PDB file of N, CA and C in Angstrom:
ATOM      1  N   UNK A   1     -20.122   4.782  20.944  1.00  0.00           N
ATOM      2  CA  UNK A   1     -20.723   5.821  21.131  1.00  0.00           C
ATOM      3  C   UNK A   1     -21.553   6.002  22.603  1.00  0.00           C
ATOM      4  N   UNK A   2     -21.007   7.229  22.669  1.00  0.00           N
ATOM      5  CA  UNK A   2     -21.689   7.654  24.625  1.00  0.00           C
ATOM      6  C   UNK A   2     -22.496   9.105  24.436  1.00  0.00           C
ATOM      7  N   UNK A   3     -23.716   8.661  25.175  1.00  0.00           N
ATOM      8  CA  UNK A   3     -24.480  10.002  25.021  1.00  0.00           C
ATOM      9  C   UNK A   3     -25.119  10.242  26.585  1.00  0.00           C
ATOM     10  N   UNK A   4     -24.001  11.347  27.338  1.00  0.00           N
ATOM     11  CA  UNK A   4     -24.201  12.183  28.352  1.00  0.00           C
ATOM     12  C   UNK A   4     -25.846  12.804  28.360  1.00  0.00           C
ATOM     13  N   UNK A   5     -26.283  12.784  29.442  1.00  0.00           N
ATOM     14  CA  UNK A   5     -27.450  13.330  29.367  1.00  0.00           C
ATOM     15  C   UNK A   5     -27.548  13.900  31.065  1.00  0.00           C
ATOM     16  N   UNK A   6     -27.439  14.957  31.464  1.00  0.00           N
ATOM     17  CA  UNK A   6     -26.635  15.562  32.744  1.00  0.00           C
ATOM     18  C   UNK A   6     -28.437  16.142  33.130  1.00  0.00           C
ATOM     19  N   UNK A   7     -29.617  15.505  33.802  1.00  0.00           N
ATOM     20  CA  UNK A   7     -30.649  15.731  34.249  1.00  0.00           C
ATOM     21  C   UNK A   7     -30.372  15.714  36.227  1.00  0.00           C
ATOM     22  N   UNK A   8     -30.413  16.785  37.099  1.00  0.00           N
ATOM     23  CA  UNK A   8     -30.265  17.088  38.319  1.00  0.00           C
ATOM     24  C   UNK A   8     -29.185  16.183  38.603  1.00  0.00           C
ATOM     25  N   UNK A   9     -27.646  16.239  38.214  1.00  0.00           N
ATOM     26  CA  UNK A   9     -26.594  15.582  38.447  1.00  0.00           C
ATOM     27  C   UNK A   9     -26.756  13.972  38.491  1.00  0.00           C
ATOM     28  N   UNK A  10     -27.811  13.554  37.866  1.00  0.00           N
ATOM     29  CA  UNK A  10     -27.707  12.280  37.430  1.00  0.00           C
ATOM     30  C   UNK A  10     -27.056  12.001  35.542  1.00  0.00           C
ATOM     31  N   UNK A  11     -25.633  11.232  35.493  1.00  0.00           N
ATOM     32  CA  UNK A  11     -25.776  10.937  33.892  1.00  0.00           C
ATOM     33  C   UNK A  11     -26.165   9.687  33.411  1.00  0.00           C
ATOM     34  N   UNK A  12     -26.744   9.505  32.599  1.00  0.00           N
ATOM     35  CA  UNK A  12     -27.237   8.479  32.028  1.00  0.00           C
ATOM     36  C   UNK A  12     -26.405   8.357  30.732  1.00  0.00           C
ATOM     37  N   UNK A  13     -26.084   7.010  30.670  1.00  0.00           N
ATOM     38  CA  UNK A  13     -25.653   6.417  29.607  1.00  0.00           C
ATOM     39  C   UNK A  13     -26.112   5.765  28.180  1.00  0.00           C
ATOM     40  N   UNK A  14     -26.167   5.822  27.264  1.00  0.00           N
ATOM     41  CA  UNK A  14     -27.031   5.085  25.980  1.00  0.00           C
ATOM     42  C   UNK A  14     -25.948   4.582  25.225  1.00  0.00           C
ATOM     43  N   UNK A  15     -26.330   2.769  25.150  1.00  0.00           N
ATOM     44  CA  UNK A  15     -25.478   2.183  23.943  1.00  0.00           C
ATOM     45  C   UNK A  15     -26.246   2.305  23.391  1.00  0.00           C
ATOM     46  N   UNK A  16     -25.428   2.220  21.630  1.00  0.00           N
ATOM     47  CA  UNK A  16     -26.259   1.146  20.688  1.00  0.00           C
ATOM     48  C   UNK A  16     -25.193   0.809  19.632  1.00  0.00           C
ATOM     49  N   UNK A  17     -26.345  -0.828  19.535  1.00  0.00           N
ATOM     50  CA  UNK A  17     -24.873  -1.506  18.856  1.00  0.00           C
ATOM     51  C   UNK A  17     -25.608  -1.938  17.194  1.00  0.00           C
ATOM     52  N   UNK A  18     -24.463  -1.692  16.806  1.00  0.00           N
ATOM     53  CA  UNK A  18     -24.743  -2.370  15.202  1.00  0.00           C
ATOM     54  C   UNK A  18     -24.983  -3.560  15.116  1.00  0.00           C
ATOM     55  N   UNK A  19     -25.974  -3.875  14.109  1.00  0.00           N
ATOM     56  CA  UNK A  19     -24.867  -5.497  13.419  1.00  0.00           C
ATOM     57  C   UNK A  19     -25.013  -5.006  12.182  1.00  0.00           C
ATOM     58  N   UNK A  20     -23.707  -5.960  12.236  1.00  0.00           N
ATOM     59  CA  UNK A  20     -23.244  -5.713  10.104  1.00  0.00           C
ATOM     60  C   UNK A  20     -22.578  -7.150  10.430  1.00  0.00           C
ATOM     61  N   UNK A  21     -22.513  -7.195   8.918  1.00  0.00           N
ATOM     62  CA  UNK A  21     -21.828  -8.764   8.908  1.00  0.00           C
ATOM     63  C   UNK A  21     -20.390  -8.700   8.288  1.00  0.00           C
ATOM     64  N   UNK A  22     -19.628  -9.787   8.698  1.00  0.00           N
ATOM     65  CA  UNK A  22     -18.256  -9.970   8.623  1.00  0.00           C
ATOM     66  C   UNK A  22     -17.784  -8.929   7.262  1.00  0.00           C
ATOM     67  N   UNK A  23     -18.481  -9.261   6.346  1.00  0.00           N
ATOM     68  CA  UNK A  23     -17.680  -8.836   5.195  1.00  0.00           C
ATOM     69  C   UNK A  23     -17.653  -7.668   5.072  1.00  0.00           C
ATOM     70  N   UNK A  24     -19.145  -6.998   5.257  1.00  0.00           N
ATOM     71  CA  UNK A  24     -19.677  -4.972   5.541  1.00  0.00           C
ATOM     72  C   UNK A  24     -18.442  -4.725   6.525  1.00  0.00           C
ATOM     73  N   UNK A  25     -18.121  -5.004   7.760  1.00  0.00           N
ATOM     74  CA  UNK A  25     -17.346  -4.609   9.002  1.00  0.00           C
ATOM     75  C   UNK A  25     -15.639  -5.056   8.323  1.00  0.00           C
ATOM     76  N   UNK A  26     -15.165  -6.014   7.807  1.00  0.00           N
ATOM     77  CA  UNK A  26     -13.756  -6.391   6.889  1.00  0.00           C
ATOM     78  C   UNK A  26     -14.007  -4.913   5.508  1.00  0.00           C
ATOM     79  N   UNK A  27     -14.865  -4.371   5.227  1.00  0.00           N
ATOM     80  CA  UNK A  27     -14.917  -4.015   4.199  1.00  0.00           C
ATOM     81  C   UNK A  27     -14.666  -2.004   4.639  1.00  0.00           C
ATOM     82  N   UNK A  28     -15.345  -1.835   5.633  1.00  0.00           N
ATOM     83  CA  UNK A  28     -15.635  -0.913   6.386  1.00  0.00           C
ATOM     84  C   UNK A  28     -13.793  -0.198   7.026  1.00  0.00           C
ATOM     85  N   UNK A  29     -13.320  -1.215   7.676  1.00  0.00           N
ATOM     86  CA  UNK A  29     -11.998  -1.169   8.272  1.00  0.00           C
ATOM     87  C   UNK A  29     -10.999  -1.512   7.069  1.00  0.00           C
ATOM     88  N   UNK A  30     -11.370  -1.827   6.053  1.00  0.00           N
ATOM     89  CA  UNK A  30     -10.070  -1.543   5.085  1.00  0.00           C
ATOM     90  C   UNK A  30     -10.071  -0.438   3.951  1.00  0.00           C
ATOM     91  N   UNK A  31     -11.418  -0.056   3.886  1.00  0.00           N
ATOM     92  CA  UNK A  31     -11.554   1.645   4.103  1.00  0.00           C
ATOM     93  C   UNK A  31     -10.828   2.506   4.672  1.00  0.00           C
ATOM     94  N   UNK A  32     -11.196   2.478   5.715  1.00  0.00           N
ATOM     95  CA  UNK A  32     -10.220   3.256   7.030  1.00  0.00           C
ATOM     96  C   UNK A  32      -9.060   2.912   7.244  1.00  0.00           C
ATOM     97  N   UNK A  33      -8.246   1.762   6.875  1.00  0.00           N
ATOM     98  CA  UNK A  33      -6.932   1.519   7.150  1.00  0.00           C
ATOM     99  C   UNK A  33      -6.271   2.273   5.639  1.00  0.00           C
ATOM    100  N   UNK A  34      -7.064   2.006   4.482  1.00  0.00           N
ATOM    101  CA  UNK A  34      -6.777   3.038   3.841  1.00  0.00           C
ATOM    102  C   UNK A  34      -6.475   4.540   3.274  1.00  0.00           C
ATOM    103  N   UNK A  35      -7.456   4.645   4.318  1.00  0.00           N
ATOM    104  CA  UNK A  35      -7.118   6.003   3.951  1.00  0.00           C
ATOM    105  C   UNK A  35      -6.418   6.455   5.320  1.00  0.00           C
ATOM    106  N   UNK A  36      -6.619   6.114   6.315  1.00  0.00           N
ATOM    107  CA  UNK A  36      -5.264   6.126   7.148  1.00  0.00           C
ATOM    108  C   UNK A  36      -3.738   6.358   6.877  1.00  0.00           C
ATOM    109  N   UNK A  37      -3.714   5.432   5.871  1.00  0.00           N
ATOM    110  CA  UNK A  37      -2.266   4.966   5.535  1.00  0.00           C
ATOM    111  C   UNK A  37      -2.014   6.136   3.823  1.00  0.00           C
ATOM    112  N   UNK A  38      -2.906   6.578   3.398  1.00  0.00           N
ATOM    113  CA  UNK A  38      -2.571   7.580   2.312  1.00  0.00           C
ATOM    114  C   UNK A  38      -2.431   8.509   3.269  1.00  0.00           C
ATOM    115  N   UNK A  39      -2.864   8.926   4.854  1.00  0.00           N
ATOM    116  CA  UNK A  39      -2.463  10.362   5.305  1.00  0.00           C
ATOM    117  C   UNK A  39      -0.744  10.288   6.174  1.00  0.00           C
ATOM    118  N   UNK A  40      -0.945   9.163   6.078  1.00  0.00           N
ATOM    119  CA  UNK A  40       1.074   8.730   6.855  1.00  0.00           C
ATOM    120  C   UNK A  40       1.360   8.746   5.339  1.00  0.00           C
ATOM    121  N   UNK A  41       1.679   8.224   4.392  1.00  0.00           N
ATOM    122  CA  UNK A  41       2.286   8.541   3.737  1.00  0.00           C
ATOM    123  C   UNK A  41       2.458   9.782   2.721  1.00  0.00           C
ATOM    124  N   UNK A  42       1.524  10.629   3.004  1.00  0.00           N
ATOM    125  CA  UNK A  42       1.287  11.902   2.666  1.00  0.00           C
ATOM    126  C   UNK A  42       2.647  12.433   2.728  1.00  0.00           C
ATOM    127  N   UNK A  43       2.575  12.096   4.323  1.00  0.00           N
ATOM    128  CA  UNK A  43       3.813  12.914   4.977  1.00  0.00           C
ATOM    129  C   UNK A  43       4.893  13.279   4.297  1.00  0.00           C
ATOM    130  N   UNK A  44       5.676  12.026   3.987  1.00  0.00           N
ATOM    131  CA  UNK A  44       6.444  12.005   3.762  1.00  0.00           C
ATOM    132  C   UNK A  44       6.751  12.439   1.959  1.00  0.00           C
ATOM    133  N   UNK A  45       5.456  13.080   1.692  1.00  0.00           N
ATOM    134  CA  UNK A  45       5.899  13.052  -0.344  1.00  0.00           C
ATOM    135  C   UNK A  45       6.938  14.064  -0.671  1.00  0.00           C
ATOM    136  N   UNK A  46       7.444  14.626   0.334  1.00  0.00           N
ATOM    137  CA  UNK A  46       8.613  16.214  -0.212  1.00  0.00           C
ATOM    138  C   UNK A  46       9.437  15.565   0.252  1.00  0.00           C
ATOM    139  N   UNK A  47      10.498  14.409   1.090  1.00  0.00           N
ATOM    140  CA  UNK A  47      11.127  13.528   1.213  1.00  0.00           C
ATOM    141  C   UNK A  47      11.550  12.448   0.297  1.00  0.00           C
ATOM    142  N   UNK A  48      13.458  12.788  -0.381  1.00  0.00           N
ATOM    143  CA  UNK A  48      13.571  12.301  -1.240  1.00  0.00           C
ATOM    144  C   UNK A  48      14.776  11.766  -0.571  1.00  0.00           C
ATOM    145  N   UNK A  49      14.451  10.562  -1.265  1.00  0.00           N
ATOM    146  CA  UNK A  49      15.312   8.944  -0.994  1.00  0.00           C
ATOM    147  C   UNK A  49      16.385   8.883  -2.268  1.00  0.00           C
ATOM    148  N   UNK A  50      16.801   8.064  -1.816  1.00  0.00           N
ATOM    149  CA  UNK A  50      18.523   7.340  -3.158  1.00  0.00           C
ATOM    150  C   UNK A  50      17.890   5.646  -3.072  1.00  0.00           C
ATOM    151  N   UNK A  51      18.581   5.394  -4.388  1.00  0.00           N
ATOM    152  CA  UNK A  51      18.093   3.969  -4.932  1.00  0.00           C
ATOM    153  C   UNK A  51      18.475   3.462  -3.335  1.00  0.00           C
ATOM    154  N   UNK A  52      19.674   3.739  -2.702  1.00  0.00           N
ATOM    155  CA  UNK A  52      20.514   2.471  -1.706  1.00  0.00           C
ATOM    156  C   UNK A  52      19.463   2.328  -1.219  1.00  0.00           C
ATOM    157  N   UNK A  53      18.541   3.786  -0.476  1.00  0.00           N
ATOM    158  CA  UNK A  53      17.792   3.969   0.888  1.00  0.00           C
ATOM    159  C   UNK A  53      16.322   2.726   0.375  1.00  0.00           C
ATOM    160  N   UNK A  54      16.171   3.401  -1.006  1.00  0.00           N
ATOM    161  CA  UNK A  54      15.171   1.992  -1.201  1.00  0.00           C
ATOM    162  C   UNK A  54      15.285   0.367  -1.072  1.00  0.00           C
ATOM    163  N   UNK A  55      16.252   0.285  -1.975  1.00  0.00           N
ATOM    164  CA  UNK A  55      17.031  -0.783  -1.309  1.00  0.00           C
ATOM    165  C   UNK A  55      16.622  -1.159   0.098  1.00  0.00           C
ATOM    166  N   UNK A  56      17.303  -0.619   0.725  1.00  0.00           N
ATOM    167  CA  UNK A  56      17.249  -1.048   2.210  1.00  0.00           C
ATOM    168  C   UNK A  56      15.559  -1.049   3.294  1.00  0.00           C
ATOM    169  N   UNK A  57      15.155  -0.319   2.646  1.00  0.00           N
ATOM    170  CA  UNK A  57      13.194  -0.039   3.049  1.00  0.00           C
ATOM    171  C   UNK A  57      12.630  -1.624   2.476  1.00  0.00           C
ATOM    172  N   UNK A  58      13.844  -1.925   1.217  1.00  0.00           N
ATOM    173  CA  UNK A  58      12.428  -3.384   0.430  1.00  0.00           C
ATOM    174  C   UNK A  58      13.687  -4.427   0.694  1.00  0.00           C
ATOM    175  N   UNK A  59      14.496  -4.157   1.115  1.00  0.00           N
ATOM    176  CA  UNK A  59      15.828  -5.841   1.585  1.00  0.00           C
ATOM    177  C   UNK A  59      15.809  -6.430   0.259  1.00  0.00           C
ATOM    178  N   UNK A  60      16.592  -5.692  -1.130  1.00  0.00           N
ATOM    179  CA  UNK A  60      16.709  -5.381  -1.160  1.00  0.00           C
ATOM    180  C   UNK A  60      18.410  -4.806  -2.300  1.00  0.00           C
ATOM    181  N   UNK A  61      18.397  -4.842  -3.376  1.00  0.00           N
ATOM    182  CA  UNK A  61      19.715  -3.796  -3.645  1.00  0.00           C
ATOM    183  C   UNK A  61      19.643  -2.758  -4.660  1.00  0.00           C
ATOM    184  N   UNK A  62      20.484  -2.421  -4.781  1.00  0.00           N
ATOM    185  CA  UNK A  62      20.279  -0.693  -5.429  1.00  0.00           C
ATOM    186  C   UNK A  62      19.982  -0.604  -7.087  1.00  0.00           C
ATOM    187  N   UNK A  63      20.517  -2.170  -7.482  1.00  0.00           N
ATOM    188  CA  UNK A  63      20.297  -2.120  -8.640  1.00  0.00           C
ATOM    189  C   UNK A  63      19.535  -2.959  -9.254  1.00  0.00           C
ATOM    190  N   UNK A  64      18.770  -3.834  -8.322  1.00  0.00           N
ATOM    191  CA  UNK A  64      17.667  -4.006  -8.287  1.00  0.00           C
ATOM    192  C   UNK A  64      16.700  -3.143  -8.369  1.00  0.00           C
ATOM    193  N   UNK A  65      16.260  -2.343  -7.647  1.00  0.00           N
ATOM    194  CA  UNK A  65      15.891  -0.736  -7.427  1.00  0.00           C
ATOM    195  C   UNK A  65      15.862   0.178  -9.126  1.00  0.00           C
ATOM    196  N   UNK A  66      17.351  -0.183  -9.616  1.00  0.00           N
ATOM    197  CA  UNK A  66      17.290   0.960 -11.207  1.00  0.00           C
ATOM    198  C   UNK A  66      16.370  -0.295 -12.111  1.00  0.00           C
ATOM    199  N   UNK A  67      16.899  -1.430 -12.132  1.00  0.00           N
ATOM    200  CA  UNK A  67      15.850  -1.959 -12.812  1.00  0.00           C
ATOM    201  C   UNK A  67      14.750  -1.748 -12.779  1.00  0.00           C
ATOM    202  N   UNK A  68      13.924  -1.767 -11.668  1.00  0.00           N
ATOM    203  CA  UNK A  68      12.338  -1.939 -11.021  1.00  0.00           C
ATOM    204  C   UNK A  68      12.377  -0.190 -12.281  1.00  0.00           C
ATOM    205  N   UNK A  69      13.291   0.834 -11.746  1.00  0.00           N
ATOM    206  CA  UNK A  69      12.979   2.191 -12.501  1.00  0.00           C
ATOM    207  C   UNK A  69      12.805   2.217 -14.503  1.00  0.00           C
ATOM    208  N   UNK A  70      14.404   1.536 -14.536  1.00  0.00           N
ATOM    209  CA  UNK A  70      14.020   0.908 -16.081  1.00  0.00           C
ATOM    210  C   UNK A  70      12.707   0.622 -16.874  1.00  0.00           C
ATOM    211  N   UNK A  71      12.483  -0.242 -16.061  1.00  0.00           N
ATOM    212  CA  UNK A  71      11.230  -1.489 -16.976  1.00  0.00           C
ATOM    213  C   UNK A  71       9.932  -0.658 -16.455  1.00  0.00           C
ATOM    214  N   UNK A  72       9.773   0.367 -15.252  1.00  0.00           N
ATOM    215  CA  UNK A  72       8.548   1.511 -15.103  1.00  0.00           C
ATOM    216  C   UNK A  72       7.548   1.025 -14.557  1.00  0.00           C
ATOM    217  N   UNK A  73       8.269  -0.124 -13.511  1.00  0.00           N
ATOM    218  CA  UNK A  73       7.573  -0.270 -12.539  1.00  0.00           C
ATOM    219  C   UNK A  73       7.549   0.601 -10.747  1.00  0.00           C
ATOM    220  N   UNK A  74       8.647   1.326 -11.088  1.00  0.00           N
ATOM    221  CA  UNK A  74       8.820   2.255 -10.123  1.00  0.00           C
ATOM    222  C   UNK A  74       9.242   3.459 -10.972  1.00  0.00           C
ATOM    223  N   UNK A  75       8.620   4.749  -9.645  1.00  0.00           N
ATOM    224  CA  UNK A  75       8.911   5.652 -10.514  1.00  0.00           C
ATOM    225  C   UNK A  75       9.927   6.982  -9.714  1.00  0.00           C
ATOM    226  N   UNK A  76      11.100   7.252 -10.820  1.00  0.00           N
ATOM    227  CA  UNK A  76      12.428   7.870 -10.018  1.00  0.00           C
ATOM    228  C   UNK A  76      12.072   9.382 -10.532  1.00  0.00           C
ATOM    229  N   UNK A  77      11.914  10.119  -9.491  1.00  0.00           N
ATOM    230  CA  UNK A  77      12.371  11.874 -10.062  1.00  0.00           C
ATOM    231  C   UNK A  77      13.032  12.497 -10.520  1.00  0.00           C
ATOM    232  N   UNK A  78      12.548  13.150 -11.505  1.00  0.00           N
ATOM    233  CA  UNK A  78      14.224  13.601 -12.859  1.00  0.00           C
ATOM    234  C   UNK A  78      14.960  14.247 -11.996  1.00  0.00           C
ATOM    235  N   UNK A  79      16.494  14.201 -11.855  1.00  0.00           N
ATOM    236  CA  UNK A  79      17.813  14.799 -11.823  1.00  0.00           C
ATOM    237  C   UNK A  79      18.247  14.872 -12.348  1.00  0.00           C
ATOM    238  N   UNK A  80      19.466  16.041 -12.227  1.00  0.00           N
ATOM    239  CA  UNK A  80      20.547  15.499 -12.688  1.00  0.00           C
ATOM    240  C   UNK A  80      21.326  14.281 -12.746  1.00  0.00           C
ATOM    241  N   UNK A  81      21.903  13.960 -14.070  1.00  0.00           N
ATOM    242  CA  UNK A  81      23.226  12.802 -13.990  1.00  0.00           C
ATOM    243  C   UNK A  81      22.726  11.635 -13.513  1.00  0.00           C
ATOM    244  N   UNK A  82      23.139  10.873 -13.256  1.00  0.00           N
ATOM    245  CA  UNK A  82      22.901   9.278 -13.491  1.00  0.00           C
ATOM    246  C   UNK A  82      22.123   8.770 -11.880  1.00  0.00           C
ATOM    247  N   UNK A  83      21.758   9.988 -11.163  1.00  0.00           N
ATOM    248  CA  UNK A  83      21.623   9.697  -9.907  1.00  0.00           C
ATOM    249  C   UNK A  83      20.110   9.696  -9.802  1.00  0.00           C
ATOM    250  N   UNK A  84      19.394   8.836  -9.075  1.00  0.00           N
ATOM    251  CA  UNK A  84      17.754   8.424  -9.393  1.00  0.00           C
ATOM    252  C   UNK A  84      17.480   8.799  -7.560  1.00  0.00           C
ATOM    253  N   UNK A  85      16.678   9.407  -7.546  1.00  0.00           N
ATOM    254  CA  UNK A  85      16.342   9.973  -6.371  1.00  0.00           C
ATOM    255  C   UNK A  85      14.119   9.341  -6.639  1.00  0.00           C
ATOM    256  N   UNK A  86      13.444   9.112  -5.416  1.00  0.00           N
ATOM    257  CA  UNK A  86      12.506   8.992  -4.919  1.00  0.00           C
ATOM    258  C   UNK A  86      11.552   9.297  -4.614  1.00  0.00           C
ATOM    259  N   UNK A  87      10.456   9.924  -4.550  1.00  0.00           N
ATOM    260  CA  UNK A  87      10.235  10.289  -3.299  1.00  0.00           C
ATOM    261  C   UNK A  87       9.552   9.705  -2.377  1.00  0.00           C
ATOM    262  N   UNK A  88       9.639   9.179  -0.933  1.00  0.00           N
ATOM    263  CA  UNK A  88       9.378   8.417   0.073  1.00  0.00           C
ATOM    264  C   UNK A  88       7.740   7.961   0.650  1.00  0.00           C
ATOM    265  N   UNK A  89       7.303   8.677   0.330  1.00  0.00           N
ATOM    266  CA  UNK A  89       5.891   8.782   0.007  1.00  0.00           C
ATOM    267  C   UNK A  89       5.281   7.086  -1.308  1.00  0.00           C
ATOM    268  N   UNK A  90       6.216   7.771  -2.083  1.00  0.00           N
ATOM    269  CA  UNK A  90       5.612   6.365  -2.714  1.00  0.00           C
ATOM    270  C   UNK A  90       6.328   4.774  -2.974  1.00  0.00           C
ATOM    271  N   UNK A  91       7.932   5.280  -2.282  1.00  0.00           N
ATOM    272  CA  UNK A  91       8.674   4.430  -2.114  1.00  0.00           C
ATOM    273  C   UNK A  91       7.991   3.646  -1.331  1.00  0.00           C
ATOM    274  N   UNK A  92       6.488   4.011  -0.428  1.00  0.00           N
ATOM    275  CA  UNK A  92       6.453   3.323   0.848  1.00  0.00           C
ATOM    276  C   UNK A  92       5.395   3.056   0.426  1.00  0.00           C
ATOM    277  N   UNK A  93       4.995   3.188  -0.469  1.00  0.00           N
ATOM    278  CA  UNK A  93       3.499   2.499  -1.313  1.00  0.00           C
ATOM    279  C   UNK A  93       3.549   1.190  -2.002  1.00  0.00           C
ATOM    280  N   UNK A  94       4.745   0.986  -2.853  1.00  0.00           N
ATOM    281  CA  UNK A  94       5.381   0.623  -3.506  1.00  0.00           C
ATOM    282  C   UNK A  94       5.524  -0.706  -3.147  1.00  0.00           C
ATOM    283  N   UNK A  95       4.684  -1.797  -3.932  1.00  0.00           N
ATOM    284  CA  UNK A  95       4.461  -3.531  -3.197  1.00  0.00           C
ATOM    285  C   UNK A  95       5.694  -4.262  -3.708  1.00  0.00           C
ATOM    286  N   UNK A  96       6.668  -4.172  -3.725  1.00  0.00           N
ATOM    287  CA  UNK A  96       7.798  -5.154  -3.963  1.00  0.00           C
ATOM    288  C   UNK A  96       7.380  -6.691  -4.322  1.00  0.00           C
ATOM    289  N   UNK A  97       6.986  -7.531  -3.026  1.00  0.00           N
ATOM    290  CA  UNK A  97       6.884  -8.744  -2.719  1.00  0.00           C
ATOM    291  C   UNK A  97       5.735  -8.707  -3.955  1.00  0.00           C
ATOM    292  N   UNK A  98       4.208  -7.714  -4.400  1.00  0.00           N
ATOM    293  CA  UNK A  98       3.388  -8.100  -5.272  1.00  0.00           C
ATOM    294  C   UNK A  98       4.387  -7.907  -6.845  1.00  0.00           C
ATOM    295  N   UNK A  99       5.540  -7.071  -6.626  1.00  0.00           N
ATOM    296  CA  UNK A  99       5.978  -7.367  -8.295  1.00  0.00           C
ATOM    297  C   UNK A  99       6.651  -7.903  -8.930  1.00  0.00           C
ATOM    298  N   UNK A 100       7.289  -8.448  -7.697  1.00  0.00           N
ATOM    299  CA  UNK A 100       8.039  -9.585  -7.952  1.00  0.00           C
ATOM    300  C   UNK A 100       7.616 -11.129  -8.348  1.00  0.00           C
ATOM    301  N   UNK A 101       6.562 -10.748  -7.440  1.00  0.00           N
ATOM    302  CA  UNK A 101       5.455 -12.236  -7.539  1.00  0.00           C
ATOM    303  C   UNK A 101       4.856 -12.864  -9.103  1.00  0.00           C
ATOM    304  N   UNK A 102       4.420 -11.019  -9.391  1.00  0.00           N
ATOM    305  CA  UNK A 102       3.721 -11.290 -10.663  1.00  0.00           C
ATOM    306  C   UNK A 102       5.030 -11.138 -12.095  1.00  0.00           C
ATOM    307  N   UNK A 103       5.680 -11.187 -11.169  1.00  0.00           N
ATOM    308  CA  UNK A 103       7.599 -11.114 -12.296  1.00  0.00           C
ATOM    309  C   UNK A 103       7.416 -12.788 -13.047  1.00  0.00           C
ATOM    310  N   UNK A 104       7.263 -13.383 -11.964  1.00  0.00           N
ATOM    311  CA  UNK A 104       7.433 -14.931 -12.104  1.00  0.00           C
ATOM    312  C   UNK A 104       5.934 -15.607 -12.407  1.00  0.00           C
ATOM    313  N   UNK A 105       5.293 -14.885 -12.940  1.00  0.00           N
ATOM    314  CA  UNK A 105       4.056 -15.487 -13.277  1.00  0.00           C
ATOM    315  C   UNK A 105       3.277 -15.773 -12.147  1.00  0.00           C
ATOM    316  N   UNK A 106       3.160 -15.483 -10.667  1.00  0.00           N
ATOM    317  CA  UNK A 106       2.384 -16.061 -10.174  1.00  0.00           C
ATOM    318  C   UNK A 106       3.029 -17.043  -9.155  1.00  0.00           C
ATOM    319  N   UNK A 107       4.391 -17.530  -9.645  1.00  0.00           N
ATOM    320  CA  UNK A 107       5.262 -18.409  -9.024  1.00  0.00           C
ATOM    321  C   UNK A 107       6.429 -17.975  -7.979  1.00  0.00           C
ATOM    322  N   UNK A 108       6.834 -18.411  -6.638  1.00  0.00           N
ATOM    323  CA  UNK A 108       7.479 -18.066  -5.673  1.00  0.00           C
ATOM    324  C   UNK A 108       8.949 -18.770  -6.041  1.00  0.00           C
ATOM    325  N   UNK A 109      10.202 -17.843  -6.377  1.00  0.00           N
ATOM    326  CA  UNK A 109      11.002 -18.721  -6.334  1.00  0.00           C
ATOM    327  C   UNK A 109      12.407 -18.072  -4.813  1.00  0.00           C
ATOM    328  N   UNK A 110      13.490 -19.138  -4.563  1.00  0.00           N
ATOM    329  CA  UNK A 110      14.260 -18.351  -3.965  1.00  0.00           C
ATOM    330  C   UNK A 110      15.257 -17.710  -4.144  1.00  0.00           C
ATOM    331  N   UNK A 111      16.247 -16.868  -3.935  1.00  0.00           N
ATOM    332  CA  UNK A 111      17.257 -15.786  -4.495  1.00  0.00           C
ATOM    333  C   UNK A 111      17.617 -16.557  -4.781  1.00  0.00           C
ATOM    334  N   UNK A 112      18.370 -17.772  -4.838  1.00  0.00           N
ATOM    335  CA  UNK A 112      19.164 -18.714  -6.152  1.00  0.00           C
ATOM    336  C   UNK A 112      18.909 -18.646  -7.359  1.00  0.00           C
ATOM    337  N   UNK A 113      17.523 -18.683  -7.481  1.00  0.00           N
ATOM    338  CA  UNK A 113      16.706 -19.574  -8.486  1.00  0.00           C
ATOM    339  C   UNK A 113      16.102 -17.890  -9.612  1.00  0.00           C
ATOM    340  N   UNK A 114      16.409 -16.844  -9.109  1.00  0.00           N
ATOM    341  CA  UNK A 114      15.892 -15.765  -9.956  1.00  0.00           C
ATOM    342  C   UNK A 114      16.673 -15.922 -11.149  1.00  0.00           C
TER     343      UNK A 114
END
């Protein structure tokens, strides 16, 4: 923080130093990042994408994305017919790796072992 006091054309600077623990600093940074991510994701709320685009974003197949919709782990917007549409903001928030990790009970597998 910088405070400027202008007395007879002289600028005085003041520096404030805060002492915080590492864990408190991490909490503050995590809250800030989460808040900023939410703002970024909200920009894409009205952008609709198909299952193939979601699959490209998460590095998987459209068929896998449809399985997540049917199992209830990923929400699709209601549309006419069999076409699934997704809000890009929700797609970006979706943690595909976390869901995959939970599916296998905390164990990780290579693609050939699924």
